[in-house]
Protein backbone atom coordinates (compact mmCIF):
# COMPACT_ATOMS: atom_id res chain seq x y z
CA MET A 1 0.00 0.00 0.00
CA GLU A 2 2.81 2.42 0.88
CA VAL A 3 4.52 1.66 -2.43
CA ALA A 4 1.36 2.54 -4.32
CA GLU A 5 0.91 5.77 -2.33
CA ARG A 6 4.50 6.87 -2.95
CA ALA A 7 4.17 6.00 -6.64
CA GLY A 8 0.87 7.86 -6.88
CA CYS A 9 -1.07 4.88 -8.18
CA SER A 10 -3.43 2.19 -6.96
CA VAL A 11 -2.34 -0.98 -5.20
CA ARG A 12 -3.85 -2.91 -8.09
CA SER A 13 -1.58 -1.06 -10.56
CA VAL A 14 1.47 -2.05 -8.53
CA PHE A 15 0.49 -5.73 -8.56
CA GLU A 16 -0.40 -5.65 -12.26
CA ARG A 17 3.17 -4.54 -12.95
CA PHE A 18 4.81 -6.67 -10.24
CA PRO A 19 3.02 -10.00 -9.69
CA ASP A 20 4.83 -10.69 -6.41
CA MET A 21 6.88 -8.91 -3.76
CA HIS A 22 10.12 -10.46 -4.97
CA LYS A 23 9.78 -8.89 -8.44
CA LEU A 24 8.93 -5.55 -6.82
CA GLN A 25 12.00 -5.78 -4.57
CA VAL A 26 14.25 -6.61 -7.52
CA ALA A 27 12.86 -3.69 -9.54
CA ALA A 28 13.38 -1.36 -6.57
CA ALA A 29 16.94 -2.62 -6.12
CA ILE A 30 17.79 -2.12 -9.79
CA HIS A 31 16.30 1.38 -9.63
CA ALA A 32 18.42 2.16 -6.55
CA ILE A 33 21.61 0.96 -8.27
CA ASP A 34 20.84 3.09 -11.33
CA ARG A 35 20.12 6.10 -9.10
CA ALA A 36 23.36 5.70 -7.15
CA ALA A 37 25.35 5.35 -10.39
CA SER A 38 23.77 8.49 -11.83
CA LEU A 39 24.72 10.55 -8.78
CA ALA A 40 28.46 9.98 -9.14
CA PRO A 41 30.18 12.90 -10.84
CA PRO A 42 32.76 12.10 -13.52
CA PRO A 43 36.42 11.71 -12.55
CA LEU A 44 38.63 14.80 -12.52
CA LEU A 45 40.52 14.45 -15.78
CA GLY A 46 43.60 16.62 -16.17
CA ALA A 47 43.91 17.33 -12.45
CA ASP A 48 47.02 16.37 -10.55
CA ARG A 49 47.32 12.99 -8.84
CA LYS A 50 46.49 14.27 -5.35
CA ALA A 51 43.33 16.06 -6.53
CA ARG A 52 42.17 13.00 -8.51
CA ILE A 53 42.69 10.72 -5.50
CA GLU A 54 40.89 13.06 -3.11
CA HIS A 55 38.00 13.57 -5.54
CA TYR A 56 37.55 9.84 -6.15
CA VAL A 57 37.69 9.06 -2.42
CA GLU A 58 35.24 11.85 -1.58
CA VAL A 59 32.70 10.64 -4.15
CA ARG A 60 33.01 6.97 -3.07
CA ALA A 61 32.80 7.90 0.61
CA GLN A 62 29.58 9.86 0.05
CA LEU A 63 28.04 7.02 -1.97
CA CYS A 64 29.04 4.41 0.61
CA GLU A 65 27.76 6.53 3.46
CA VAL A 66 24.34 6.96 1.81
CA TRP A 67 23.91 3.69 -0.10
CA GLY A 68 26.20 1.24 1.75
CA ARG A 69 23.60 -0.62 3.78
CA LEU A 70 21.32 -1.05 0.80
CA TRP A 71 24.27 -2.26 -1.30
CA ARG A 72 25.22 -4.90 1.26
CA GLY A 73 21.61 -6.10 1.32
CA LEU A 74 21.61 -6.37 -2.46
CA LEU A 75 24.78 -8.43 -2.43
CA VAL A 76 23.27 -10.86 0.06
CA ASN A 77 20.22 -11.34 -2.18
CA ARG A 78 21.87 -11.24 -5.60
CA ASP A 79 21.45 -14.97 -6.20
CA ASP A 80 17.67 -14.55 -5.99
CA SER A 81 17.52 -12.81 -9.37
CA ASP A 82 19.52 -13.08 -12.58
CA ALA A 83 18.57 -9.49 -13.43
CA LEU A 84 19.86 -8.23 -10.08
CA LYS A 85 23.04 -10.30 -10.36
CA GLN A 86 23.66 -8.86 -13.84
CA LYS A 87 22.98 -5.28 -12.65
CA ILE A 88 25.39 -5.68 -9.73
CA GLY A 89 28.07 -7.08 -12.06
CA SER A 90 27.60 -4.21 -14.51
CA PHE A 91 27.81 -1.68 -11.69
CA GLN A 92 31.04 -3.24 -10.40
CA GLU A 93 32.61 -3.23 -13.87
CA SER A 94 31.53 0.38 -14.28
CA ARG A 95 33.28 1.26 -11.01
CA LEU A 96 36.48 -0.38 -12.27
CA SER A 97 36.17 1.51 -15.56
CA ARG A 98 35.81 4.80 -13.69
CA LEU A 99 38.91 3.98 -11.67
CA ALA A 100 40.81 3.15 -14.87
CA VAL A 101 39.84 6.50 -16.40
CA ALA A 102 40.55 8.50 -13.24
CA PHE A 103 44.01 6.99 -12.77
CA ARG A 104 45.02 6.33 -16.38
CA PRO A 105 48.34 8.25 -16.05
CA GLU A 106 49.47 6.04 -13.17
CA LEU A 107 48.06 2.75 -14.42
CA ALA A 108 49.59 3.28 -17.88
CA THR A 109 53.00 2.57 -16.39
CA LEU A 110 52.02 -1.00 -15.47
CA SER A 111 51.93 -4.25 -17.43
CA ASP A 112 48.45 -5.48 -18.38
CA VAL A 113 48.44 -7.99 -15.53
CA GLU A 114 49.58 -5.46 -12.92
CA HIS A 115 47.17 -2.87 -14.31
CA ARG A 116 44.22 -5.24 -13.76
CA ARG A 117 45.44 -6.36 -10.33
CA THR A 118 45.90 -2.78 -9.15
CA LEU A 119 42.50 -1.81 -10.51
CA VAL A 120 40.81 -4.74 -8.74
CA THR A 121 42.69 -3.94 -5.51
CA LEU A 122 41.56 -0.30 -5.63
CA GLY A 123 38.01 -1.47 -6.37
CA LEU A 124 38.02 -3.82 -3.39
CA LEU A 125 39.58 -1.17 -1.18
CA THR A 126 36.81 1.30 -1.96
CA ASP A 127 33.95 -1.18 -1.75
CA ALA A 128 30.97 -0.50 0.51
CA GLY A 129 32.08 -3.39 2.73
CA SER A 130 35.43 -1.72 3.34
CA TRP A 131 33.67 1.54 4.20
CA SER A 132 31.26 -0.27 6.51
CA CYS A 133 34.12 -2.01 8.32
CA MET A 134 35.96 1.26 8.92
CA ARG A 135 32.84 3.16 10.00
CA GLU A 136 30.78 0.58 11.87
CA VAL A 137 33.25 -2.03 13.08
CA VAL A 138 36.40 0.01 13.72
CA GLY A 139 34.46 3.15 14.64
CA MET A 140 36.30 5.61 12.40
CA SER A 141 34.86 9.00 11.58
CA VAL A 142 34.15 9.85 7.95
CA ASP A 143 37.35 11.93 7.83
CA GLU A 144 39.45 9.10 9.30
CA ALA A 145 38.04 6.56 6.86
CA ARG A 146 38.65 8.88 3.90
CA ALA A 147 42.23 9.39 5.10
CA VAL A 148 42.76 5.61 5.11
CA TRP A 149 41.54 5.39 1.53
CA VAL A 150 43.60 8.38 0.37
CA GLY A 151 46.75 6.98 1.99
CA SER A 152 46.11 3.57 0.47
CA PHE A 153 45.69 5.05 -3.02
CA GLU A 154 48.91 6.99 -2.60
CA ARG A 155 50.76 3.79 -1.68
CA LEU A 156 49.11 1.49 -4.25
CA LEU A 157 49.25 3.67 -7.34
CA PRO A 158 52.56 3.88 -9.15
CA PRO A 159 54.05 7.34 -9.69
CA THR A 160 52.48 9.48 -12.38
CA ARG A 161 54.36 9.27 -15.65
CA GLN A 162 55.98 12.61 -16.50
CA ALA A 163 55.17 13.93 -19.99
C-alpha cells in the first residue's frame, strides 16, 4: 500500500506490474543501483594525482555513506535474481572503468596484468564493505576513513608518468 501511495497509483496497478513482492524488490533494487550510479560525478581528468585521489575518495565515501547498507543487502540477495546479479556485475565493472579512467596516467605505467590487479585492488579497497568495516566495526569517523583510503591510493598507485 505504501509503495502505491508513494508511486501515486493504486495498489492494483502495482500488482499488475509486479506480480509478487520479490519482483517488486528486484525492480526497486535495480532502480536504486541506477540512481546511485547516476549521482556519481565524472572523474577529474587533467587534475594532478592528489586532486584526482581526493576527488575519487570523496565521491566513493559519500556514496558508501548513503547507499552502503542497501548495497550490502543487495549483495546478500543477488542470487535470488539473474537481473539483479547482472545489474550488480555491470555496476562493479563500471566502477572499475571509472577507476581506470581517473588513474590512467598512473596505471599506464604497469603491465596489463599489474594494471588489472591494481584496478581490482583499488576497487576492493573502496567497496561499501570496506567503508562499513571502517565506519561501523572500527568506529572511524568519515574523515578518518577517507584518510585511510587516500593513503592507500597513494601507496598502491605507481608514480604518475611525466610527460
